[in-house]
Amino acid sequence: MTFEEMQKTIEGMLAVQRQLQESQIQLNERQMQLQESQLELRERQLRFQDAQERERETLQVMIEEMTRFIERSNRNERRIEQLIGYSITNESEHLDIEQRFRNLEARLSELESQN
């Protein structure tokens, strides 16, 4: 093999090596971009999970408030039914006692909430 042939062979090998290095650099850049994308995705997932948790807590509070509202509504409905029954049967004495009892219950609730 002549000097020129060896030089061309070496130049060809160097060109292949350069291409391999460039491909490796591109692959490394793509890997870095993928890692950055994965980090961004993870951050978005964490924010989404946080938002879901806050929404779950909000829904839980709303459910508790609705339950209290329904209970209060049921109590008021029973009281209305009692009042209607009292007015129909003229049980005004019983009504006075019931009113006093409710006043005591309200006062007790106030005292409990203050403590």
Protein backbone atom coordinates (compact mmCIF):
# COMPACT_ATOMS: atom_id res chain seq x y z
CA MET A 1 0.00 0.00 0.00
CA THR A 2 1.35 3.37 -0.95
CA PHE A 3 1.63 6.36 1.32
CA GLU A 4 -1.27 8.10 -0.44
CA GLU A 5 -3.49 5.02 -0.05
CA MET A 6 -2.66 4.81 3.65
CA GLN A 7 -3.32 8.53 4.03
CA LYS A 8 -6.74 8.20 2.33
CA THR A 9 -7.56 5.18 4.50
CA ILE A 10 -6.59 7.13 7.63
CA GLU A 11 -8.60 10.15 6.43
CA GLY A 12 -11.59 7.86 5.86
CA MET A 13 -11.19 6.37 9.34
CA LEU A 14 -10.91 9.85 10.85
CA ALA A 15 -14.05 10.94 8.99
CA VAL A 16 -15.92 7.91 10.37
CA GLN A 17 -14.59 8.69 13.86
CA ARG A 18 -15.73 12.34 13.49
CA GLN A 19 -19.19 11.19 12.43
CA LEU A 20 -19.35 8.85 15.38
CA GLN A 21 -18.34 11.65 17.73
CA GLU A 22 -20.93 13.99 16.24
CA SER A 23 -23.58 11.28 16.55
CA GLN A 24 -22.54 10.72 20.16
CA ILE A 25 -22.80 14.46 20.87
CA GLN A 26 -26.25 14.58 19.28
CA LEU A 27 -27.30 11.54 21.30
CA ASN A 28 -26.03 13.17 24.49
CA GLU A 29 -27.94 16.36 23.67
CA ARG A 30 -31.13 14.37 23.04
CA GLN A 31 -30.65 12.53 26.31
CA MET A 32 -30.26 15.83 28.16
CA GLN A 33 -33.39 17.18 26.49
CA LEU A 34 -35.25 14.02 27.45
CA GLN A 35 -34.08 14.34 31.05
CA GLU A 36 -35.19 17.97 31.13
CA SER A 37 -38.56 16.97 29.70
CA GLN A 38 -38.88 14.25 32.32
CA LEU A 39 -38.09 16.74 35.08
CA GLU A 40 -40.68 19.17 33.72
CA LEU A 41 -43.23 16.36 33.49
CA ARG A 42 -42.50 15.31 37.07
CA GLU A 43 -42.91 18.89 38.28
CA ARG A 44 -46.24 19.15 36.44
CA GLN A 45 -47.35 15.85 37.95
CA LEU A 46 -46.49 17.11 41.43
CA ARG A 47 -48.40 20.35 40.84
CA PHE A 48 -51.35 18.36 39.50
CA GLN A 49 -51.27 16.07 42.54
CA ASP A 50 -51.17 19.09 44.84
CA ALA A 51 -54.13 20.61 43.03
CA GLN A 52 -56.03 17.32 43.27
CA GLU A 53 -55.33 17.13 47.00
CA ARG A 54 -56.55 20.69 47.53
CA GLU A 55 -59.69 19.94 45.52
CA ARG A 56 -60.26 16.74 47.50
CA GLU A 57 -59.96 18.69 50.75
CA THR A 58 -62.34 21.35 49.42
CA LEU A 59 -64.85 18.68 48.40
CA GLN A 60 -64.55 17.05 51.82
CA VAL A 61 -65.30 20.38 53.50
CA MET A 62 -68.25 20.92 51.17
CA ILE A 63 -69.59 17.44 51.95
CA GLU A 64 -69.29 18.09 55.68
CA GLU A 65 -71.05 21.44 55.31
CA MET A 66 -73.81 19.90 53.21
CA THR A 67 -74.27 17.14 55.80
CA ARG A 68 -74.62 19.74 58.56
CA PHE A 69 -77.01 21.73 56.38
CA ILE A 70 -79.17 18.64 55.74
CA GLU A 71 -79.20 17.80 59.45
CA ARG A 72 -80.18 21.36 60.30
CA SER A 73 -82.83 21.32 57.59
CA ASN A 74 -84.25 18.07 58.94
CA ARG A 75 -84.37 19.48 62.47
CA ASN A 76 -86.12 22.61 61.20
CA GLU A 77 -88.58 20.50 59.25
CA ARG A 78 -89.40 18.50 62.39
CA ARG A 79 -89.84 21.73 64.34
CA ILE A 80 -92.17 23.10 61.68
CA GLU A 81 -94.16 19.89 61.80
CA GLN A 82 -94.33 20.18 65.60
CA LEU A 83 -95.43 23.80 65.37
CA ILE A 84 -98.13 22.87 62.89
CA GLY A 85 -99.19 20.03 65.18
CA TYR A 86 -99.24 22.34 68.20
CA SER A 87 -101.28 24.97 66.40
CA ILE A 88 -103.76 22.35 65.23
CA THR A 89 -104.15 20.81 68.71
CA ASN A 90 -103.83 24.11 70.60
CA GLU A 91 -101.01 22.80 72.73
CA SER A 92 -99.58 26.21 73.47
CA GLU A 93 -98.23 25.09 76.85
CA HIS A 94 -96.22 22.37 75.19
CA LEU A 95 -95.03 24.90 72.64
CA ASP A 96 -93.72 27.18 75.39
CA ILE A 97 -91.83 24.27 76.97
CA GLU A 98 -90.45 23.24 73.57
CA GLN A 99 -89.34 26.81 72.89
CA ARG A 100 -87.60 27.01 76.25
CA PHE A 101 -85.90 23.70 75.58
CA ARG A 102 -84.64 24.96 72.19
CA ASN A 103 -83.40 28.15 73.82
CA LEU A 104 -81.47 26.05 76.34
CA GLU A 105 -80.04 23.91 73.52
CA ALA A 106 -78.93 27.03 71.65
CA ARG A 107 -77.31 28.47 74.76
CA LEU A 108 -75.55 25.16 75.43
CA SER A 109 -74.24 25.09 71.85
CA GLU A 110 -72.94 28.66 72.26
CA LEU A 111 -71.14 27.74 75.48
CA GLU A 112 -69.63 24.62 73.90
CA SER A 113 -68.38 26.57 70.89
CA GLN A 114 -66.78 29.18 73.16
CA ASN A 115 -64.80 26.45 74.90
